[in-house]
Amino acid sequence: MKIKDGFVLKEIAGSHLVVPLGTQVVNFGAMIKLNETGAFLWDLLQDNREKEELVSSLLSEYDVEEAKAIIDVDGFINKLKDADLLE
């Protein structure tokens, strides 16, 4: 899975915000605020990545148990799918 074209992650005043560009502005209801972990996963999803790769990267970057990493990645993916941000 991969982030759709037309969306970028910007850091504004210490917050990570998903911002639509071009024609996506019309189709996008509101900006999404991400925490540090969400921004980390967003960056990974700029390239085509599978869920297992996201979990593995999260385990390598953060001190988190695998079960928690899986739950967090699932939640993040669902949030992006609900906002129609994934290809």
PDB file of N, CA and C in Angstrom:
ATOM      1  N   MET A   1       0.847  -1.173   0.000  1.00  0.00           N
ATOM      2  CA  MET A   1       0.000   0.000   0.000  1.00  0.00           C
ATOM      3  C   MET A   1       0.887   1.228   0.000  1.00  0.00           C
ATOM      4  N   LYS A   2       0.288   2.334  -0.436  1.00  0.00           N
ATOM      5  CA  LYS A   2       1.053   3.557  -0.640  1.00  0.00           C
ATOM      6  C   LYS A   2       0.126   4.753  -0.474  1.00  0.00           C
ATOM      7  N   ILE A   3       0.680   5.879  -0.025  1.00  0.00           N
ATOM      8  CA  ILE A   3      -0.084   7.115   0.080  1.00  0.00           C
ATOM      9  C   ILE A   3      -0.445   7.588  -1.337  1.00  0.00           C
ATOM     10  N   LYS A   4      -1.686   8.016  -1.528  1.00  0.00           N
ATOM     11  CA  LYS A   4      -2.111   8.544  -2.825  1.00  0.00           C
ATOM     12  C   LYS A   4      -1.339   9.814  -3.149  1.00  0.00           C
ATOM     13  N   ASP A   5      -1.157  10.060  -4.422  1.00  0.00           N
ATOM     14  CA  ASP A   5      -0.568  11.321  -4.864  1.00  0.00           C
ATOM     15  C   ASP A   5      -1.487  12.469  -4.460  1.00  0.00           C
ATOM     16  N   GLY A   6      -0.900  13.622  -4.218  1.00  0.00           N
ATOM     17  CA  GLY A   6      -1.703  14.798  -3.915  1.00  0.00           C
ATOM     18  C   GLY A   6      -1.810  15.098  -2.434  1.00  0.00           C
ATOM     19  N   PHE A   7      -1.054  14.386  -1.610  1.00  0.00           N
ATOM     20  CA  PHE A   7      -1.055  14.634  -0.174  1.00  0.00           C
ATOM     21  C   PHE A   7       0.379  14.673   0.324  1.00  0.00           C
ATOM     22  N   VAL A   8       0.660  15.618   1.204  1.00  0.00           N
ATOM     23  CA  VAL A   8       1.996  15.726   1.786  1.00  0.00           C
ATOM     24  C   VAL A   8       1.882  15.873   3.290  1.00  0.00           C
ATOM     25  N   LEU A   9       2.951  15.536   3.969  1.00  0.00           N
ATOM     26  CA  LEU A   9       3.038  15.710   5.410  1.00  0.00           C
ATOM     27  C   LEU A   9       3.895  16.930   5.668  1.00  0.00           C
ATOM     28  N   LYS A  10       3.353  17.862   6.409  1.00  0.00           N
ATOM     29  CA  LYS A  10       4.065  19.099   6.757  1.00  0.00           C
ATOM     30  C   LYS A  10       4.183  19.189   8.271  1.00  0.00           C
ATOM     31  N   GLU A  11       5.308  19.715   8.725  1.00  0.00           N
ATOM     32  CA  GLU A  11       5.449  20.004  10.153  1.00  0.00           C
ATOM     33  C   GLU A  11       5.213  21.498  10.330  1.00  0.00           C
ATOM     34  N   ILE A  12       4.160  21.817  11.076  1.00  0.00           N
ATOM     35  CA  ILE A  12       3.767  23.202  11.296  1.00  0.00           C
ATOM     36  C   ILE A  12       3.630  23.425  12.798  1.00  0.00           C
ATOM     37  N   ALA A  13       4.431  24.328  13.317  1.00  0.00           N
ATOM     38  CA  ALA A  13       4.404  24.668  14.743  1.00  0.00           C
ATOM     39  C   ALA A  13       4.525  23.417  15.619  1.00  0.00           C
ATOM     40  N   GLY A  14       5.395  22.498  15.217  1.00  0.00           N
ATOM     41  CA  GLY A  14       5.632  21.288  16.001  1.00  0.00           C
ATOM     42  C   GLY A  14       4.612  20.186  15.807  1.00  0.00           C
ATOM     43  N   SER A  15       3.637  20.400  14.937  1.00  0.00           N
ATOM     44  CA  SER A  15       2.621  19.385  14.659  1.00  0.00           C
ATOM     45  C   SER A  15       2.824  18.828  13.258  1.00  0.00           C
ATOM     46  N   HIS A  16       2.540  17.544  13.099  1.00  0.00           N
ATOM     47  CA  HIS A  16       2.620  16.884  11.798  1.00  0.00           C
ATOM     48  C   HIS A  16       1.213  16.870  11.197  1.00  0.00           C
ATOM     49  N   LEU A  17       1.050  17.552  10.055  1.00  0.00           N
ATOM     50  CA  LEU A  17      -0.261  17.660   9.428  1.00  0.00           C
ATOM     51  C   LEU A  17      -0.238  17.133   8.002  1.00  0.00           C
ATOM     52  N   VAL A  18      -1.244  16.329   7.651  1.00  0.00           N
ATOM     53  CA  VAL A  18      -1.436  15.862   6.282  1.00  0.00           C
ATOM     54  C   VAL A  18      -2.191  16.964   5.546  1.00  0.00           C
ATOM     55  N   VAL A  19      -1.596  17.416   4.452  1.00  0.00           N
ATOM     56  CA  VAL A  19      -2.145  18.544   3.698  1.00  0.00           C
ATOM     57  C   VAL A  19      -2.421  18.098   2.259  1.00  0.00           C
ATOM     58  N   PRO A  20      -3.627  18.377   1.757  1.00  0.00           N
ATOM     59  CA  PRO A  20      -3.934  18.045   0.357  1.00  0.00           C
ATOM     60  C   PRO A  20      -3.339  19.090  -0.581  1.00  0.00           C
ATOM     61  N   LEU A  21      -3.001  18.660  -1.782  1.00  0.00           N
ATOM     62  CA  LEU A  21      -2.471  19.551  -2.816  1.00  0.00           C
ATOM     63  C   LEU A  21      -3.341  19.467  -4.054  1.00  0.00           C
ATOM     64  N   GLY A  22      -3.310  20.504  -4.866  1.00  0.00           N
ATOM     65  CA  GLY A  22      -3.988  20.485  -6.162  1.00  0.00           C
ATOM     66  C   GLY A  22      -5.455  20.126  -6.058  1.00  0.00           C
ATOM     67  N   THR A  23      -5.876  19.209  -6.914  1.00  0.00           N
ATOM     68  CA  THR A  23      -7.290  18.833  -6.977  1.00  0.00           C
ATOM     69  C   THR A  23      -7.756  18.085  -5.736  1.00  0.00           C
ATOM     70  N   GLN A  24      -6.845  17.557  -4.954  1.00  0.00           N
ATOM     71  CA  GLN A  24      -7.221  16.831  -3.736  1.00  0.00           C
ATOM     72  C   GLN A  24      -7.834  17.755  -2.685  1.00  0.00           C
ATOM     73  N   VAL A  25      -7.559  19.057  -2.785  1.00  0.00           N
ATOM     74  CA  VAL A  25      -8.109  20.010  -1.813  1.00  0.00           C
ATOM     75  C   VAL A  25      -9.629  19.935  -1.803  1.00  0.00           C
ATOM     76  N   VAL A  26     -10.223  19.781  -2.962  1.00  0.00           N
ATOM     77  CA  VAL A  26     -11.680  19.729  -3.087  1.00  0.00           C
ATOM     78  C   VAL A  26     -12.237  18.457  -2.461  1.00  0.00           C
ATOM     79  N   ASN A  27     -11.539  17.354  -2.601  1.00  0.00           N
ATOM     80  CA  ASN A  27     -12.033  16.052  -2.150  1.00  0.00           C
ATOM     81  C   ASN A  27     -11.717  15.736  -0.695  1.00  0.00           C
ATOM     82  N   PHE A  28     -10.933  16.554  -0.056  1.00  0.00           N
ATOM     83  CA  PHE A  28     -10.443  16.241   1.279  1.00  0.00           C
ATOM     84  C   PHE A  28     -11.177  17.085   2.303  1.00  0.00           C
ATOM     85  N   GLY A  29     -11.808  16.437   3.271  1.00  0.00           N
ATOM     86  CA  GLY A  29     -12.644  17.141   4.238  1.00  0.00           C
ATOM     87  C   GLY A  29     -11.899  18.029   5.207  1.00  0.00           C
ATOM     88  N   ALA A  30     -10.769  17.578   5.710  1.00  0.00           N
ATOM     89  CA  ALA A  30     -10.012  18.345   6.709  1.00  0.00           C
ATOM     90  C   ALA A  30      -8.604  17.791   6.784  1.00  0.00           C
ATOM     91  N   MET A  31      -7.729  18.584   7.356  1.00  0.00           N
ATOM     92  CA  MET A  31      -6.365  18.093   7.549  1.00  0.00           C
ATOM     93  C   MET A  31      -6.361  17.051   8.662  1.00  0.00           C
ATOM     94  N   ILE A  32      -5.401  16.139   8.597  1.00  0.00           N
ATOM     95  CA  ILE A  32      -5.246  15.116   9.624  1.00  0.00           C
ATOM     96  C   ILE A  32      -3.966  15.398  10.385  1.00  0.00           C
ATOM     97  N   LYS A  33      -4.055  15.402  11.702  1.00  0.00           N
ATOM     98  CA  LYS A  33      -2.886  15.612  12.546  1.00  0.00           C
ATOM     99  C   LYS A  33      -2.335  14.244  12.949  1.00  0.00           C
ATOM    100  N   LEU A  34      -1.023  14.072  12.779  1.00  0.00           N
ATOM    101  CA  LEU A  34      -0.367  12.820  13.132  1.00  0.00           C
ATOM    102  C   LEU A  34       0.600  13.034  14.278  1.00  0.00           C
ATOM    103  N   ASN A  35       0.762  12.003  15.103  1.00  0.00           N
ATOM    104  CA  ASN A  35       1.802  12.055  16.121  1.00  0.00           C
ATOM    105  C   ASN A  35       3.126  11.627  15.484  1.00  0.00           C
ATOM    106  N   GLU A  36       4.166  11.570  16.285  1.00  0.00           N
ATOM    107  CA  GLU A  36       5.496  11.226  15.759  1.00  0.00           C
ATOM    108  C   GLU A  36       5.505   9.855  15.090  1.00  0.00           C
ATOM    109  N   THR A  37       4.842   8.887  15.695  1.00  0.00           N
ATOM    110  CA  THR A  37       4.782   7.541  15.128  1.00  0.00           C
ATOM    111  C   THR A  37       4.013   7.537  13.811  1.00  0.00           C
ATOM    112  N   GLY A  38       2.902   8.255  13.759  1.00  0.00           N
ATOM    113  CA  GLY A  38       2.136   8.362  12.523  1.00  0.00           C
ATOM    114  C   GLY A  38       2.950   8.998  11.411  1.00  0.00           C
ATOM    115  N   ALA A  39       3.726  10.025  11.745  1.00  0.00           N
ATOM    116  CA  ALA A  39       4.583  10.681  10.754  1.00  0.00           C
ATOM    117  C   ALA A  39       5.660   9.714  10.258  1.00  0.00           C
ATOM    118  N   PHE A  40       6.196   8.900  11.158  1.00  0.00           N
ATOM    119  CA  PHE A  40       7.191   7.886  10.795  1.00  0.00           C
ATOM    120  C   PHE A  40       6.591   6.895   9.794  1.00  0.00           C
ATOM    121  N   LEU A  41       5.394   6.397  10.096  1.00  0.00           N
ATOM    122  CA  LEU A  41       4.729   5.441   9.211  1.00  0.00           C
ATOM    123  C   LEU A  41       4.341   6.099   7.891  1.00  0.00           C
ATOM    124  N   TRP A  42       3.899   7.350   7.938  1.00  0.00           N
ATOM    125  CA  TRP A  42       3.549   8.082   6.718  1.00  0.00           C
ATOM    126  C   TRP A  42       4.746   8.123   5.773  1.00  0.00           C
ATOM    127  N   ASP A  43       5.905   8.454   6.325  1.00  0.00           N
ATOM    128  CA  ASP A  43       7.117   8.518   5.496  1.00  0.00           C
ATOM    129  C   ASP A  43       7.407   7.178   4.833  1.00  0.00           C
ATOM    130  N   LEU A  44       7.207   6.093   5.561  1.00  0.00           N
ATOM    131  CA  LEU A  44       7.424   4.763   4.986  1.00  0.00           C
ATOM    132  C   LEU A  44       6.443   4.485   3.848  1.00  0.00           C
ATOM    133  N   LEU A  45       5.232   4.993   3.990  1.00  0.00           N
ATOM    134  CA  LEU A  45       4.192   4.733   2.991  1.00  0.00           C
ATOM    135  C   LEU A  45       4.315   5.612   1.750  1.00  0.00           C
ATOM    136  N   GLN A  46       5.354   6.418   1.662  1.00  0.00           N
ATOM    137  CA  GLN A  46       5.607   7.157   0.428  1.00  0.00           C
ATOM    138  C   GLN A  46       6.013   6.181  -0.681  1.00  0.00           C
ATOM    139  N   ASP A  47       6.580   5.056  -0.260  1.00  0.00           N
ATOM    140  CA  ASP A  47       6.900   3.960  -1.173  1.00  0.00           C
ATOM    141  C   ASP A  47       5.943   2.819  -0.868  1.00  0.00           C
ATOM    142  N   ASN A  48       5.741   1.966  -1.812  1.00  0.00           N
ATOM    143  CA  ASN A  48       4.827   0.838  -1.630  1.00  0.00           C
ATOM    144  C   ASN A  48       5.354  -0.073  -0.522  1.00  0.00           C
ATOM    145  N   ARG A  49       4.599  -0.208   0.565  1.00  0.00           N
ATOM    146  CA  ARG A  49       5.002  -1.030   1.713  1.00  0.00           C
ATOM    147  C   ARG A  49       3.853  -1.938   2.134  1.00  0.00           C
ATOM    148  N   GLU A  50       4.231  -3.094   2.621  1.00  0.00           N
ATOM    149  CA  GLU A  50       3.252  -4.024   3.176  1.00  0.00           C
ATOM    150  C   GLU A  50       3.148  -3.803   4.684  1.00  0.00           C
ATOM    151  N   LYS A  51       2.064  -4.253   5.260  1.00  0.00           N
ATOM    152  CA  LYS A  51       1.836  -4.097   6.696  1.00  0.00           C
ATOM    153  C   LYS A  51       2.997  -4.679   7.505  1.00  0.00           C
ATOM    154  N   GLU A  52       3.500  -5.823   7.097  1.00  0.00           N
ATOM    155  CA  GLU A  52       4.581  -6.479   7.834  1.00  0.00           C
ATOM    156  C   GLU A  52       5.836  -5.607   7.869  1.00  0.00           C
ATOM    157  N   GLU A  53       6.109  -4.892   6.772  1.00  0.00           N
ATOM    158  CA  GLU A  53       7.261  -3.990   6.725  1.00  0.00           C
ATOM    159  C   GLU A  53       7.069  -2.814   7.682  1.00  0.00           C
ATOM    160  N   LEU A  54       5.858  -2.315   7.773  1.00  0.00           N
ATOM    161  CA  LEU A  54       5.581  -1.217   8.684  1.00  0.00           C
ATOM    162  C   LEU A  54       5.783  -1.649  10.132  1.00  0.00           C
ATOM    163  N   VAL A  55       5.289  -2.828  10.464  1.00  0.00           N
ATOM    164  CA  VAL A  55       5.450  -3.347  11.822  1.00  0.00           C
ATOM    165  C   VAL A  55       6.928  -3.552  12.138  1.00  0.00           C
ATOM    166  N   SER A  56       7.656  -4.161  11.226  1.00  0.00           N
ATOM    167  CA  SER A  56       9.080  -4.407  11.414  1.00  0.00           C
ATOM    168  C   SER A  56       9.853  -3.098  11.611  1.00  0.00           C
ATOM    169  N   SER A  57       9.543  -2.099  10.822  1.00  0.00           N
ATOM    170  CA  SER A  57      10.206  -0.798  10.939  1.00  0.00           C
ATOM    171  C   SER A  57       9.874  -0.125  12.264  1.00  0.00           C
ATOM    172  N   LEU A  58       8.637  -0.257  12.693  1.00  0.00           N
ATOM    173  CA  LEU A  58       8.223   0.315  13.971  1.00  0.00           C
ATOM    174  C   LEU A  58       8.973  -0.350  15.117  1.00  0.00           C
ATOM    175  N   LEU A  59       9.126  -1.667  15.041  1.00  0.00           N
ATOM    176  CA  LEU A  59       9.856  -2.398  16.082  1.00  0.00           C
ATOM    177  C   LEU A  59      11.332  -1.999  16.109  1.00  0.00           C
ATOM    178  N   SER A  60      11.897  -1.710  14.954  1.00  0.00           N
ATOM    179  CA  SER A  60      13.301  -1.309  14.879  1.00  0.00           C
ATOM    180  C   SER A  60      13.519   0.105  15.402  1.00  0.00           C
ATOM    181  N   GLU A  61      12.543   0.974  15.194  1.00  0.00           N
ATOM    182  CA  GLU A  61      12.694   2.401  15.535  1.00  0.00           C
ATOM    183  C   GLU A  61      12.299   2.721  16.974  1.00  0.00           C
ATOM    184  N   TYR A  62      11.302   2.006  17.496  1.00  0.00           N
ATOM    185  CA  TYR A  62      10.744   2.339  18.805  1.00  0.00           C
ATOM    186  C   TYR A  62      10.826   1.142  19.749  1.00  0.00           C
ATOM    187  N   ASP A  63      10.847   1.428  21.027  1.00  0.00           N
ATOM    188  CA  ASP A  63      10.837   0.388  22.057  1.00  0.00           C
ATOM    189  C   ASP A  63       9.378   0.025  22.330  1.00  0.00           C
ATOM    190  N   VAL A  64       8.878  -0.927  21.544  1.00  0.00           N
ATOM    191  CA  VAL A  64       7.466  -1.315  21.637  1.00  0.00           C
ATOM    192  C   VAL A  64       7.370  -2.824  21.417  1.00  0.00           C
ATOM    193  N   GLU A  65       6.400  -3.440  22.081  1.00  0.00           N
ATOM    194  CA  GLU A  65       6.179  -4.873  21.900  1.00  0.00           C
ATOM    195  C   GLU A  65       5.491  -5.116  20.561  1.00  0.00           C
ATOM    196  N   GLU A  66       5.744  -6.281  19.994  1.00  0.00           N
ATOM    197  CA  GLU A  66       5.210  -6.590  18.672  1.00  0.00           C
ATOM    198  C   GLU A  66       3.684  -6.509  18.625  1.00  0.00           C
ATOM    199  N   ALA A  67       3.013  -7.026  19.645  1.00  0.00           N
ATOM    200  CA  ALA A  67       1.546  -7.003  19.652  1.00  0.00           C
ATOM    201  C   ALA A  67       1.029  -5.566  19.599  1.00  0.00           C
ATOM    202  N   LYS A  68       1.665  -4.668  20.331  1.00  0.00           N
ATOM    203  CA  LYS A  68       1.268  -3.253  20.340  1.00  0.00           C
ATOM    204  C   LYS A  68       1.564  -2.610  18.985  1.00  0.00           C
ATOM    205  N   ALA A  69       2.704  -2.949  18.385  1.00  0.00           N
ATOM    206  CA  ALA A  69       3.065  -2.404  17.080  1.00  0.00           C
ATOM    207  C   ALA A  69       2.031  -2.817  16.024  1.00  0.00           C
ATOM    208  N   ILE A  70       1.598  -4.059  16.067  1.00  0.00           N
ATOM    209  CA  ILE A  70       0.597  -4.552  15.110  1.00  0.00           C
ATOM    210  C   ILE A  70      -0.713  -3.791  15.278  1.00  0.00           C
ATOM    211  N   ILE A  71      -1.147  -3.605  16.517  1.00  0.00           N
ATOM    212  CA  ILE A  71      -2.391  -2.869  16.786  1.00  0.00           C
ATOM    213  C   ILE A  71      -2.268  -1.432  16.291  1.00  0.00           C
ATOM    214  N   ASP A  72      -1.129  -0.807  16.566  1.00  0.00           N
ATOM    215  CA  ASP A  72      -0.926   0.586  16.144  1.00  0.00           C
ATOM    216  C   ASP A  72      -0.905   0.719  14.619  1.00  0.00           C
ATOM    217  N   VAL A  73      -0.221  -0.184  13.946  1.00  0.00           N
ATOM    218  CA  VAL A  73      -0.158  -0.136  12.482  1.00  0.00           C
ATOM    219  C   VAL A  73      -1.550  -0.379  11.897  1.00  0.00           C
ATOM    220  N   ASP A  74      -2.282  -1.355  12.429  1.00  0.00           N
ATOM    221  CA  ASP A  74      -3.648  -1.605  11.951  1.00  0.00           C
ATOM    222  C   ASP A  74      -4.521  -0.363  12.115  1.00  0.00           C
ATOM    223  N   GLY A  75      -4.434   0.285  13.263  1.00  0.00           N
ATOM    224  CA  GLY A  75      -5.219   1.490  13.511  1.00  0.00           C
ATOM    225  C   GLY A  75      -4.855   2.615  12.558  1.00  0.00           C
ATOM    226  N   PHE A  76      -3.560   2.773  12.306  1.00  0.00           N
ATOM    227  CA  PHE A  76      -3.098   3.820  11.397  1.00  0.00           C
ATOM    228  C   PHE A  76      -3.568   3.555   9.974  1.00  0.00           C
ATOM    229  N   ILE A  77      -3.425   2.320   9.524  1.00  0.00           N
ATOM    230  CA  ILE A  77      -3.874   1.955   8.180  1.00  0.00           C
ATOM    231  C   ILE A  77      -5.377   2.198   8.041  1.00  0.00           C
ATOM    232  N   ASN A  78      -6.148   1.810   9.039  1.00  0.00           N
ATOM    233  CA  ASN A  78      -7.600   2.018   8.991  1.00  0.00           C
ATOM    234  C   ASN A  78      -7.946   3.502   8.932  1.00  0.00           C
ATOM    235  N   LYS A  79      -7.219   4.322   9.690  1.00  0.00           N
ATOM    236  CA  LYS A  79      -7.449   5.767   9.670  1.00  0.00           C
ATOM    237  C   LYS A  79      -7.193   6.332   8.270  1.00  0.00           C
ATOM    238  N   LEU A  80      -6.112   5.879   7.648  1.00  0.00           N
ATOM    239  CA  LEU A  80      -5.790   6.345   6.286  1.00  0.00           C
ATOM    240  C   LEU A  80      -6.815   5.846   5.273  1.00  0.00           C
ATOM    241  N   LYS A  81      -7.268   4.604   5.430  1.00  0.00           N
ATOM    242  CA  LYS A  81      -8.286   4.070   4.519  1.00  0.00           C
ATOM    243  C   LYS A  81      -9.598   4.835   4.668  1.00  0.00           C
ATOM    244  N   ASP A  82      -9.978   5.132   5.910  1.00  0.00           N
ATOM    245  CA  ASP A  82     -11.225   5.882   6.146  1.00  0.00           C
ATOM    246  C   ASP A  82     -11.167   7.266   5.498  1.00  0.00           C
ATOM    247  N   ALA A  83      -9.976   7.860   5.461  1.00  0.00           N
ATOM    248  CA  ALA A  83      -9.802   9.176   4.851  1.00  0.00           C
ATOM    249  C   ALA A  83      -9.512   9.072   3.356  1.00  0.00           C
ATOM    250  N   ASP A  84      -9.495   7.849   2.827  1.00  0.00           N
ATOM    251  CA  ASP A  84      -9.233   7.591   1.395  1.00  0.00           C
ATOM    252  C   ASP A  84      -7.875   8.134   0.953  1.00  0.00           C
ATOM    253  N   LEU A  85      -6.856   7.849   1.762  1.00  0.00           N
ATOM    254  CA  LEU A  85      -5.513   8.331   1.479  1.00  0.00           C
ATOM    255  C   LEU A  85      -4.572   7.260   0.941  1.00  0.00           C
ATOM    256  N   LEU A  86      -5.022   6.021   0.843  1.00  0.00           N
ATOM    257  CA  LEU A  86      -4.168   4.932   0.369  1.00  0.00           C
ATOM    258  C   LEU A  86      -4.578   4.464  -1.015  1.00  0.00           C
ATOM    259  N   GLU A  87      -3.547   4.099  -1.794  1.00  0.00           N
ATOM    260  CA  GLU A  87      -3.791   3.495  -3.109  1.00  0.00           C
ATOM    261  C   GLU A  87      -3.992   2.010  -2.905  1.00  0.00           C
TER     262      GLU A  87
END
